[in-house]
C-alpha atoms as a PDB file:
ATOM      1  CA  MET A   1      49.330 117.175  -5.697  1.00  0.00           C
ATOM      2  CA  THR A   2      46.587 117.167  -3.085  1.00  0.00           C
ATOM      3  CA  GLY A   3      47.011 120.911  -2.560  1.00  0.00           C
ATOM      4  CA  TRP A   4      46.617 121.580  -6.279  1.00  0.00           C
ATOM      5  CA  THR A   5      43.564 119.339  -6.472  1.00  0.00           C
ATOM      6  CA  VAL A   6      41.880 121.198  -3.617  1.00  0.00           C
ATOM      7  CA  ALA A   7      42.738 124.590  -5.147  1.00  0.00           C
ATOM      8  CA  ALA A   8      41.629 123.568  -8.636  1.00  0.00           C
ATOM      9  CA  SER A   9      38.369 121.969  -7.508  1.00  0.00           C
ATOM     10  CA  SER A  10      36.836 125.418  -7.030  1.00  0.00           C
ATOM     11  CA  LEU A  11      37.894 126.366 -10.543  1.00  0.00           C
ATOM     12  CA  PHE A  12      36.443 123.184 -12.014  1.00  0.00           C
ATOM     13  CA  THR A  13      33.182 123.646 -10.096  1.00  0.00           C
ATOM     14  CA  TYR A  14      32.917 127.270 -11.218  1.00  0.00           C
ATOM     15  CA  LEU A  15      33.512 126.280 -14.832  1.00  0.00           C
ATOM     16  CA  THR A  16      30.917 123.503 -14.666  1.00  0.00           C
ATOM     17  CA  VAL A  17      28.280 125.819 -13.183  1.00  0.00           C
ATOM     18  CA  ARG A  18      28.960 128.726 -15.562  1.00  0.00           C
ATOM     19  CA  ALA A  19      29.072 126.543 -18.688  1.00  0.00           C
ATOM     20  CA  ARG A  20      26.117 124.425 -17.507  1.00  0.00           C
ATOM     21  CA  SER A  21      28.008 121.426 -18.800  1.00  0.00           C
ATOM     22  CA  VAL A  22      30.826 119.161 -17.721  1.00  0.00           C
ATOM     23  CA  LEU A  23      32.327 119.364 -21.206  1.00  0.00           C
ATOM     24  CA  ALA A  24      34.190 122.616 -20.490  1.00  0.00           C
ATOM     25  CA  THR A  25      35.684 121.173 -17.315  1.00  0.00           C
ATOM     26  CA  THR A  26      36.629 118.004 -19.145  1.00  0.00           C
ATOM     27  CA  LEU A  27      38.447 119.986 -21.815  1.00  0.00           C
ATOM     28  CA  LEU A  28      40.297 122.039 -19.184  1.00  0.00           C
ATOM     29  CA  ARG A  29      41.386 118.942 -17.278  1.00  0.00           C
ATOM     30  CA  GLY A  30      42.447 117.179 -20.472  1.00  0.00           C
ATOM     31  CA  SER A  31      44.446 120.207 -21.558  1.00  0.00           C
ATOM     32  CA  PHE A  32      46.125 120.348 -18.165  1.00  0.00           C
ATOM     33  CA  ASN A  33      47.041 116.667 -18.362  1.00  0.00           C
ATOM     34  CA  ALA A  34      48.462 117.126 -21.854  1.00  0.00           C
ATOM     35  CA  VAL A  35      50.603 120.115 -20.890  1.00  0.00           C
ATOM     36  CA  ALA A  36      51.548 119.019 -17.367  1.00  0.00           C
ATOM     37  CA  SER A  37      54.379 116.767 -18.491  1.00  0.00           C
ATOM     38  CA  VAL A  38      56.014 119.417 -20.688  1.00  0.00           C
ATOM     39  CA  TYR A  39      57.833 120.871 -17.686  1.00  0.00           C
ATOM     40  CA  LEU A  40      59.711 117.580 -17.283  1.00  0.00           C
ATOM     41  CA  VAL A  41      61.383 118.157 -20.630  1.00  0.00           C
ATOM     42  CA  TYR A  42      62.299 121.823 -20.181  1.00  0.00           C
ATOM     43  CA  LEU A  43      62.730 122.441 -16.468  1.00  0.00           C
ATOM     44  CA  THR A  44      65.460 120.936 -14.353  1.00  0.00           C
ATOM     45  CA  GLY A  45      66.785 121.926 -11.001  1.00  0.00           C
ATOM     46  CA  PRO A  46      64.407 122.463  -8.084  1.00  0.00           C
ATOM     47  CA  GLY A  47      62.090 119.690  -7.049  1.00  0.00           C
ATOM     48  CA  ASN A  48      58.535 119.223  -8.154  1.00  0.00           C
ATOM     49  CA  LEU A  49      57.216 121.046  -5.096  1.00  0.00           C
ATOM     50  CA  LEU A  50      58.491 124.337  -6.509  1.00  0.00           C
ATOM     51  CA  VAL A  51      58.213 124.252 -10.294  1.00  0.00           C
ATOM     52  CA  GLY A  52      55.802 121.482 -11.154  1.00  0.00           C
ATOM     53  CA  PRO A  53      52.275 122.204 -12.289  1.00  0.00           C
ATOM     54  CA  VAL A  54      50.966 120.587  -9.117  1.00  0.00           C
ATOM     55  CA  GLY A  55      53.527 122.332  -6.916  1.00  0.00           C
ATOM     56  CA  ILE A  56      53.572 125.808  -5.446  1.00  0.00           C
ATOM     57  CA  ALA A  57      53.425 127.463  -8.869  1.00  0.00           C
ATOM     58  CA  GLY A  58      50.400 125.400  -9.905  1.00  0.00           C
ATOM     59  CA  ILE A  59      48.566 126.059  -6.650  1.00  0.00           C
ATOM     60  CA  GLY A  60      49.256 129.783  -7.020  1.00  0.00           C
ATOM     61  CA  ALA A  61      47.972 129.741 -10.583  1.00  0.00           C
ATOM     62  CA  ALA A  62      44.794 127.930  -9.531  1.00  0.00           C
ATOM     63  CA  LEU A  63      44.177 130.437  -6.733  1.00  0.00           C
ATOM     64  CA  LEU A  64      44.763 133.327  -9.141  1.00  0.00           C
ATOM     65  CA  ALA A  65      42.279 131.814 -11.599  1.00  0.00           C
ATOM     66  CA  ILE A  66      39.705 131.502  -8.802  1.00  0.00           C
ATOM     67  CA  ALA A  67      40.206 135.170  -7.909  1.00  0.00           C
ATOM     68  CA  VAL A  68      39.763 136.204 -11.547  1.00  0.00           C
ATOM     69  CA  CYS A  69      36.551 134.160 -11.783  1.00  0.00           C
ATOM     70  CA  ALA A  70      35.192 135.749  -8.597  1.00  0.00           C
ATOM     71  CA  VAL A  71      35.957 139.274  -9.831  1.00  0.00           C
ATOM     72  CA  HIS A  72      34.405 138.474 -13.211  1.00  0.00           C
ATOM     73  CA  ASP A  73      31.189 137.225 -11.603  1.00  0.00           C
ATOM     74  CA  ARG A  74      30.930 140.126  -9.200  1.00  0.00           C
ATOM     75  CA  TYR A  75      31.680 143.026 -11.540  1.00  0.00           C
ATOM     76  CA  VAL A  76      31.484 141.995 -15.203  1.00  0.00           C
ATOM     77  CA  ALA A  77      28.767 139.331 -15.355  1.00  0.00           C
ATOM     78  CA  ALA A  78      26.542 141.173 -12.874  1.00  0.00           C
ATOM     79  CA  HIS A  79      26.260 144.172 -15.225  1.00  0.00           C
ATOM     80  CA  LYS A  80      25.253 142.165 -18.296  1.00  0.00           C
END
């Protein structure tokens, strides 16, 4: 969970700065909390370190989202 929190903190900071409000970050975090327990119902098998939203898959998704935000800022938002 600590790994996911560190990876997602960049995403939350980016969202707060770009939206100029903490409301967008609050909605993202609330949505994550609401959906995070769904995997308990549908996924069984490997431990939480592999399939959970705060496991390897969640950390990878957070890092991918950070990369998408960086590319967006560098190429798309810079031209507007």
